[in-house]
Amino acid sequence: MQIVAVRNGESSAGDGLIDQMHALRARVFRDRLGWNVTVKSGRETDEYDALDPTYLLAVTDDVRNVAGCARLLPATGPTMLGQTFPILLGSDPMPCHSGLIESSRFCVDTELGSRNAARGLHKTTMALFAGILEWSLINGYCEVATVTDIRFEKILGRAGLPFNRLGSPHPIGNTIAVAGIVPASLQNALRVRANGYQPFSLDARPLAA
């Protein structure tokens, strides 16, 4: 399992992985979790995919299958938290500074990869946690904001990652959602590296054009 960073239009191989990612999102968010999301031709997308995000993908070692994903957008531009779910901020405005990145659409194919890593969590989950934090540090970000549900908040806690709530939990659709910030620190990144994890590097992308 390795973590790669891709953006739309960078390479044909990268675009193929992104297409797999959208299919995975449809299976997880609509089929498994029952969220009210837009799915066309078996692919889930929303308006934030049109903002040139960076996608972090957990891929199998042969770089053929996407086992997990997360979408990253800088907080200085439109974000899911600020535009779609401001209710989760309470009475406070969306945090906005150059050191803050938003992670959204985090999901894992639980049928691929090793099921368990440290603290009983799926190995792909831990790899994505580490990849998000390492990518953030490499690119000058010190905090990661996210919208999640209280079940996933507990997973972050089991992984040993501090989650600083930005507001109170609120029912959205069929889940209880909450927003918060995880500090992007080397200590946190090291804490979630599972055995066999390959440290993330922007200079080591295994994708061919």
C-alpha atoms as a PDB file:
ATOM      1  CA  MET A   1       0.000   0.000   0.000  1.00  0.00           C
ATOM      2  CA  GLN A   2       1.277   3.461  -0.876  1.00  0.00           C
ATOM      3  CA  ILE A   3      -0.088   7.006  -0.801  1.00  0.00           C
ATOM      4  CA  VAL A   4       0.021   9.158  -3.928  1.00  0.00           C
ATOM      5  CA  ALA A   5      -1.076  12.742  -4.556  1.00  0.00           C
ATOM      6  CA  VAL A   6      -2.908  13.382  -7.821  1.00  0.00           C
ATOM      7  CA  ARG A   7      -4.820  16.207  -9.460  1.00  0.00           C
ATOM      8  CA  ASN A   8      -7.127  16.172 -12.451  1.00  0.00           C
ATOM      9  CA  GLY A   9      -5.366  16.346 -15.804  1.00  0.00           C
ATOM     10  CA  GLU A  10      -1.828  15.663 -14.584  1.00  0.00           C
ATOM     11  CA  SER A  11      -1.509  12.270 -16.276  1.00  0.00           C
ATOM     12  CA  SER A  12      -3.657   9.601 -17.870  1.00  0.00           C
ATOM     13  CA  ALA A  13      -2.701   7.152 -15.114  1.00  0.00           C
ATOM     14  CA  GLY A  14      -3.608   9.675 -12.438  1.00  0.00           C
ATOM     15  CA  ASP A  15      -6.953  10.409 -14.105  1.00  0.00           C
ATOM     16  CA  GLY A  16      -7.669   6.682 -14.135  1.00  0.00           C
ATOM     17  CA  LEU A  17      -7.056   6.486 -10.392  1.00  0.00           C
ATOM     18  CA  ILE A  18      -9.280   9.522  -9.840  1.00  0.00           C
ATOM     19  CA  ASP A  19     -12.075   7.796 -11.762  1.00  0.00           C
ATOM     20  CA  GLN A  20     -11.676   4.777  -9.466  1.00  0.00           C
ATOM     21  CA  MET A  21     -11.834   7.135  -6.497  1.00  0.00           C
ATOM     22  CA  HIS A  22     -15.183   8.584  -7.600  1.00  0.00           C
ATOM     23  CA  ALA A  23     -16.543   5.040  -7.979  1.00  0.00           C
ATOM     24  CA  LEU A  24     -15.303   4.161  -4.487  1.00  0.00           C
ATOM     25  CA  ARG A  25     -16.970   7.280  -3.082  1.00  0.00           C
ATOM     26  CA  ALA A  26     -20.293   6.224  -4.647  1.00  0.00           C
ATOM     27  CA  ARG A  27     -20.045   2.761  -3.091  1.00  0.00           C
ATOM     28  CA  VAL A  28     -19.161   4.110   0.340  1.00  0.00           C
ATOM     29  CA  PHE A  29     -21.209   7.290   0.701  1.00  0.00           C
ATOM     30  CA  ARG A  30     -24.389   6.295  -1.172  1.00  0.00           C
ATOM     31  CA  ASP A  31     -24.498   2.519  -1.023  1.00  0.00           C
ATOM     32  CA  ARG A  32     -22.907   1.794   2.362  1.00  0.00           C
ATOM     33  CA  LEU A  33     -23.654   4.912   4.397  1.00  0.00           C
ATOM     34  CA  GLY A  34     -26.866   6.008   2.685  1.00  0.00           C
ATOM     35  CA  TRP A  35     -25.844   9.648   2.297  1.00  0.00           C
ATOM     36  CA  ASN A  36     -27.778  11.954  -0.033  1.00  0.00           C
ATOM     37  CA  VAL A  37     -25.011  12.457  -2.599  1.00  0.00           C
ATOM     38  CA  THR A  38     -25.005  12.930  -6.374  1.00  0.00           C
ATOM     39  CA  VAL A  39     -24.038   9.786  -8.277  1.00  0.00           C
ATOM     40  CA  LYS A  40     -23.909   9.575 -12.062  1.00  0.00           C
ATOM     41  CA  SER A  41     -22.706   6.523 -13.988  1.00  0.00           C
ATOM     42  CA  GLY A  42     -21.618   4.995 -10.710  1.00  0.00           C
ATOM     43  CA  ARG A  43     -19.390   7.962  -9.759  1.00  0.00           C
ATOM     44  CA  GLU A  44     -19.947  10.364  -6.843  1.00  0.00           C
ATOM     45  CA  THR A  45     -18.942  13.991  -7.379  1.00  0.00           C
ATOM     46  CA  ASP A  46     -19.845  17.389  -5.977  1.00  0.00           C
ATOM     47  CA  GLU A  47     -19.058  21.037  -6.641  1.00  0.00           C
ATOM     48  CA  TYR A  48     -15.802  20.929  -4.691  1.00  0.00           C
ATOM     49  CA  ASP A  49     -14.302  18.481  -7.162  1.00  0.00           C
ATOM     50  CA  ALA A  50     -14.384  21.329  -9.693  1.00  0.00           C
ATOM     51  CA  LEU A  51     -12.019  23.484  -7.579  1.00  0.00           C
ATOM     52  CA  ASP A  52      -8.792  21.681  -8.580  1.00  0.00           C
ATOM     53  CA  PRO A  53      -8.291  19.821  -5.306  1.00  0.00           C
ATOM     54  CA  THR A  54      -5.411  17.541  -4.486  1.00  0.00           C
ATOM     55  CA  TYR A  55      -6.534  13.957  -3.978  1.00  0.00           C
ATOM     56  CA  LEU A  56      -4.554  11.677  -1.699  1.00  0.00           C
ATOM     57  CA  LEU A  57      -5.130   8.092  -2.736  1.00  0.00           C
ATOM     58  CA  ALA A  58      -4.153   4.908  -0.982  1.00  0.00           C
ATOM     59  CA  VAL A  59      -3.299   2.506  -3.806  1.00  0.00           C
ATOM     60  CA  THR A  60      -2.211  -1.113  -3.926  1.00  0.00           C
ATOM     61  CA  ASP A  61       1.495  -1.734  -4.445  1.00  0.00           C
ATOM     62  CA  ASP A  62       0.986  -2.402  -8.163  1.00  0.00           C
ATOM     63  CA  VAL A  63      -0.699   1.074  -8.420  1.00  0.00           C
ATOM     64  CA  ARG A  64      -3.780  -0.454 -10.018  1.00  0.00           C
ATOM     65  CA  ASN A  65      -6.464  -0.264  -7.348  1.00  0.00           C
ATOM     66  CA  VAL A  66      -7.606   2.593  -5.124  1.00  0.00           C
ATOM     67  CA  ALA A  67      -8.179   1.407  -1.566  1.00  0.00           C
ATOM     68  CA  GLY A  68      -8.924   4.781   0.027  1.00  0.00           C
ATOM     69  CA  CYS A  69      -9.029   8.499  -0.622  1.00  0.00           C
ATOM     70  CA  ALA A  70      -9.234  12.001   0.767  1.00  0.00           C
ATOM     71  CA  ARG A  71      -9.748  15.364  -0.922  1.00  0.00           C
ATOM     72  CA  LEU A  72      -7.704  18.399   0.108  1.00  0.00           C
ATOM     73  CA  LEU A  73      -8.596  22.062  -0.448  1.00  0.00           C
ATOM     74  CA  PRO A  74      -6.976  25.151   1.107  1.00  0.00           C
ATOM     75  CA  ALA A  75      -9.134  26.982   3.637  1.00  0.00           C
ATOM     76  CA  THR A  76      -8.382  30.302   1.922  1.00  0.00           C
ATOM     77  CA  GLY A  77     -10.802  29.293  -0.845  1.00  0.00           C
ATOM     78  CA  PRO A  78     -14.285  27.732  -0.871  1.00  0.00           C
ATOM     79  CA  THR A  79     -14.540  24.742   1.477  1.00  0.00           C
ATOM     80  CA  MET A  80     -17.231  22.223   2.329  1.00  0.00           C
ATOM     81  CA  LEU A  81     -17.228  23.321   5.949  1.00  0.00           C
ATOM     82  CA  GLY A  82     -17.513  27.034   5.194  1.00  0.00           C
ATOM     83  CA  GLN A  83     -19.960  26.817   2.271  1.00  0.00           C
ATOM     84  CA  THR A  84     -22.098  23.730   2.911  1.00  0.00           C
ATOM     85  CA  PHE A  85     -21.944  23.017   6.641  1.00  0.00           C
ATOM     86  CA  PRO A  86     -21.422  26.365   8.438  1.00  0.00           C
ATOM     87  CA  ILE A  87     -23.991  25.222  10.999  1.00  0.00           C
ATOM     88  CA  LEU A  88     -21.230  23.034  12.458  1.00  0.00           C
ATOM     89  CA  LEU A  89     -19.230  26.163  13.322  1.00  0.00           C
ATOM     90  CA  GLY A  90     -21.847  27.439  15.762  1.00  0.00           C
ATOM     91  CA  SER A  91     -21.652  31.212  15.947  1.00  0.00           C
ATOM     92  CA  ASP A  92     -18.027  31.384  14.804  1.00  0.00           C
ATOM     93  CA  PRO A  93     -16.825  32.054  11.252  1.00  0.00           C
ATOM     94  CA  MET A  94     -14.931  29.488   9.204  1.00  0.00           C
ATOM     95  CA  PRO A  95     -11.252  29.515  10.218  1.00  0.00           C
ATOM     96  CA  CYS A  96      -9.312  30.930   7.321  1.00  0.00           C
ATOM     97  CA  HIS A  97      -5.530  31.143   7.190  1.00  0.00           C
ATOM     98  CA  SER A  98      -2.789  29.997   4.857  1.00  0.00           C
ATOM     99  CA  GLY A  99      -1.730  27.180   7.208  1.00  0.00           C
ATOM    100  CA  LEU A 100      -5.121  25.438   7.183  1.00  0.00           C
ATOM    101  CA  ILE A 101      -6.163  22.728   4.712  1.00  0.00           C
ATOM    102  CA  GLU A 102      -9.573  21.053   4.574  1.00  0.00           C
ATOM    103  CA  SER A 103      -9.829  17.281   4.190  1.00  0.00           C
ATOM    104  CA  SER A 104     -13.127  15.912   2.904  1.00  0.00           C
ATOM    105  CA  ARG A 105     -14.594  12.812   1.241  1.00  0.00           C
ATOM    106  CA  PHE A 106     -12.367  10.505   3.313  1.00  0.00           C
ATOM    107  CA  CYS A 107     -13.262   6.879   2.703  1.00  0.00           C
ATOM    108  CA  VAL A 108     -11.718   3.412   2.605  1.00  0.00           C
ATOM    109  CA  ASP A 109     -12.467   0.247   0.638  1.00  0.00           C
ATOM    110  CA  THR A 110     -12.512  -2.207   3.511  1.00  0.00           C
ATOM    111  CA  GLU A 111     -12.248  -5.146   1.098  1.00  0.00           C
ATOM    112  CA  LEU A 112      -8.765  -4.113  -0.088  1.00  0.00           C
ATOM    113  CA  GLY A 113      -5.539  -4.126   1.895  1.00  0.00           C
ATOM    114  CA  SER A 114      -4.798  -5.346   5.383  1.00  0.00           C
ATOM    115  CA  ARG A 115      -7.750  -5.103   7.688  1.00  0.00           C
ATOM    116  CA  ASN A 116      -6.008  -4.285  10.922  1.00  0.00           C
ATOM    117  CA  ALA A 117      -3.091  -2.092  11.876  1.00  0.00           C
ATOM    118  CA  ALA A 118      -2.234  -0.334  15.115  1.00  0.00           C
ATOM    119  CA  ARG A 119      -5.054  -0.043  17.662  1.00  0.00           C
ATOM    120  CA  GLY A 120      -7.322  -2.324  15.603  1.00  0.00           C
ATOM    121  CA  LEU A 121      -7.911   0.189  12.805  1.00  0.00           C
ATOM    122  CA  HIS A 122      -7.827  -0.648   9.117  1.00  0.00           C
ATOM    123  CA  LYS A 123      -4.315  -0.303   7.708  1.00  0.00           C
ATOM    124  CA  THR A 124      -5.555   1.894   4.842  1.00  0.00           C
ATOM    125  CA  THR A 125      -7.196   4.258   7.318  1.00  0.00           C
ATOM    126  CA  MET A 126      -3.945   4.676   9.222  1.00  0.00           C
ATOM    127  CA  ALA A 127      -1.965   5.124   5.999  1.00  0.00           C
ATOM    128  CA  LEU A 128      -4.307   7.890   4.841  1.00  0.00           C
ATOM    129  CA  PHE A 129      -4.077   9.623   8.216  1.00  0.00           C
ATOM    130  CA  ALA A 130      -0.284   9.591   7.956  1.00  0.00           C
ATOM    131  CA  GLY A 131      -0.354  10.673   4.310  1.00  0.00           C
ATOM    132  CA  ILE A 132      -2.646  13.633   4.956  1.00  0.00           C
ATOM    133  CA  LEU A 133      -0.461  14.874   7.797  1.00  0.00           C
ATOM    134  CA  GLU A 134       2.798  14.369   5.884  1.00  0.00           C
ATOM    135  CA  TRP A 135       1.442  16.039   2.728  1.00  0.00           C
ATOM    136  CA  SER A 136       0.272  18.956   4.857  1.00  0.00           C
ATOM    137  CA  LEU A 137       3.690  19.379   6.469  1.00  0.00           C
ATOM    138  CA  ILE A 138       5.487  19.168   3.103  1.00  0.00           C
ATOM    139  CA  ASN A 139       3.207  21.843   1.676  1.00  0.00           C
ATOM    140  CA  GLY A 140       3.395  24.282   4.577  1.00  0.00           C
ATOM    141  CA  TYR A 141       0.113  23.513   6.355  1.00  0.00           C
ATOM    142  CA  CYS A 142      -0.048  23.186  10.117  1.00  0.00           C
ATOM    143  CA  GLU A 143      -3.722  22.273  10.617  1.00  0.00           C
ATOM    144  CA  VAL A 144      -6.255  20.005   8.931  1.00  0.00           C
ATOM    145  CA  ALA A 145      -9.957  20.865   9.190  1.00  0.00           C
ATOM    146  CA  THR A 146     -12.630  18.296   8.459  1.00  0.00           C
ATOM    147  CA  VAL A 147     -16.346  17.588   8.665  1.00  0.00           C
ATOM    148  CA  THR A 148     -17.074  14.104   9.901  1.00  0.00           C
ATOM    149  CA  ASP A 149     -19.505  12.239  12.107  1.00  0.00           C
ATOM    150  CA  ILE A 150     -19.155  11.368  15.749  1.00  0.00           C
ATOM    151  CA  ARG A 151     -18.370   7.738  14.903  1.00  0.00           C
ATOM    152  CA  PHE A 152     -15.345   8.802  12.872  1.00  0.00           C
ATOM    153  CA  GLU A 153     -14.353  11.235  15.624  1.00  0.00           C
ATOM    154  CA  LYS A 154     -13.949   8.161  17.834  1.00  0.00           C
ATOM    155  CA  ILE A 155     -11.724   6.525  15.195  1.00  0.00           C
ATOM    156  CA  LEU A 156      -9.469   9.584  15.236  1.00  0.00           C
ATOM    157  CA  GLY A 157      -9.254   9.212  18.995  1.00  0.00           C
ATOM    158  CA  ARG A 158      -8.356   5.526  18.724  1.00  0.00           C
ATOM    159  CA  ALA A 159      -5.630   6.476  16.248  1.00  0.00           C
ATOM    160  CA  GLY A 160      -4.196   8.860  18.842  1.00  0.00           C
ATOM    161  CA  LEU A 161      -4.985  12.034  16.906  1.00  0.00           C
ATOM    162  CA  PRO A 162      -6.313  15.088  18.774  1.00  0.00           C
ATOM    163  CA  PHE A 163      -9.539  16.451  17.274  1.00  0.00           C
ATOM    164  CA  ASN A 164     -10.393  19.970  18.385  1.00  0.00           C
ATOM    165  CA  ARG A 165     -14.082  20.567  17.802  1.00  0.00           C
ATOM    166  CA  LEU A 166     -15.099  23.829  16.142  1.00  0.00           C
ATOM    167  CA  GLY A 167     -18.717  23.595  17.277  1.00  0.00           C
ATOM    168  CA  SER A 168     -21.311  21.224  18.643  1.00  0.00           C
ATOM    169  CA  PRO A 169     -22.428  18.072  16.813  1.00  0.00           C
ATOM    170  CA  HIS A 170     -25.506  18.530  14.641  1.00  0.00           C
ATOM    171  CA  PRO A 171     -27.813  16.093  12.821  1.00  0.00           C
ATOM    172  CA  ILE A 172     -27.263  16.215   9.052  1.00  0.00           C
ATOM    173  CA  GLY A 173     -29.120  13.660   6.972  1.00  0.00           C
ATOM    174  CA  ASN A 174     -28.875  10.273   8.653  1.00  0.00           C
ATOM    175  CA  THR A 175     -25.790  11.048  10.743  1.00  0.00           C
ATOM    176  CA  ILE A 176     -24.622  13.267  13.589  1.00  0.00           C
ATOM    177  CA  ALA A 177     -21.945  15.511  12.080  1.00  0.00           C
ATOM    178  CA  VAL A 178     -19.171  17.437  13.747  1.00  0.00           C
ATOM    179  CA  ALA A 179     -16.386  19.712  12.511  1.00  0.00           C
ATOM    180  CA  GLY A 180     -12.922  20.035  13.958  1.00  0.00           C
ATOM    181  CA  ILE A 181      -9.210  20.503  13.432  1.00  0.00           C
ATOM    182  CA  VAL A 182      -6.347  18.027  13.698  1.00  0.00           C
ATOM    183  CA  PRO A 183      -2.889  19.601  14.211  1.00  0.00           C
ATOM    184  CA  ALA A 184      -0.530  18.672  11.365  1.00  0.00           C
ATOM    185  CA  SER A 185       2.615  17.859  13.284  1.00  0.00           C
ATOM    186  CA  LEU A 186       5.454  15.417  12.754  1.00  0.00           C
ATOM    187  CA  GLN A 187       4.594  13.827  16.093  1.00  0.00           C
ATOM    188  CA  ASN A 188       1.038  13.113  14.968  1.00  0.00           C
ATOM    189  CA  ALA A 189       2.223  11.806  11.590  1.00  0.00           C
ATOM    190  CA  LEU A 190       4.644   9.401  13.233  1.00  0.00           C
ATOM    191  CA  ARG A 191       1.969   8.263  15.664  1.00  0.00           C
ATOM    192  CA  VAL A 192      -0.273   6.922  12.896  1.00  0.00           C
ATOM    193  CA  ARG A 193       2.360   5.239  10.716  1.00  0.00           C
ATOM    194  CA  ALA A 194       1.549   1.539  10.637  1.00  0.00           C
ATOM    195  CA  ASN A 195       4.145  -1.178  10.095  1.00  0.00           C
ATOM    196  CA  GLY A 196       5.221  -1.265   6.470  1.00  0.00           C
ATOM    197  CA  TYR A 197       3.995   2.266   5.741  1.00  0.00           C
ATOM    198  CA  GLN A 198       5.944   4.010   2.979  1.00  0.00           C
ATOM    199  CA  PRO A 199       6.602   7.655   3.963  1.00  0.00           C
ATOM    200  CA  PHE A 200       4.863  10.052   1.622  1.00  0.00           C
ATOM    201  CA  SER A 201       6.993  11.977  -0.828  1.00  0.00           C
ATOM    202  CA  LEU A 202       5.942  14.410  -3.547  1.00  0.00           C
ATOM    203  CA  ASP A 203       9.098  13.469  -5.428  1.00  0.00           C
ATOM    204  CA  ALA A 204       8.234   9.778  -5.600  1.00  0.00           C
ATOM    205  CA  ARG A 205       4.995   9.580  -7.567  1.00  0.00           C
ATOM    206  CA  PRO A 206       4.676   6.134  -9.160  1.00  0.00           C
ATOM    207  CA  LEU A 207       2.443   7.415 -11.970  1.00  0.00           C
ATOM    208  CA  ALA A 208       3.369   7.397 -15.654  1.00  0.00           C
ATOM    209  CA  ALA A 209       1.827   9.799 -18.137  1.00  0.00           C
END
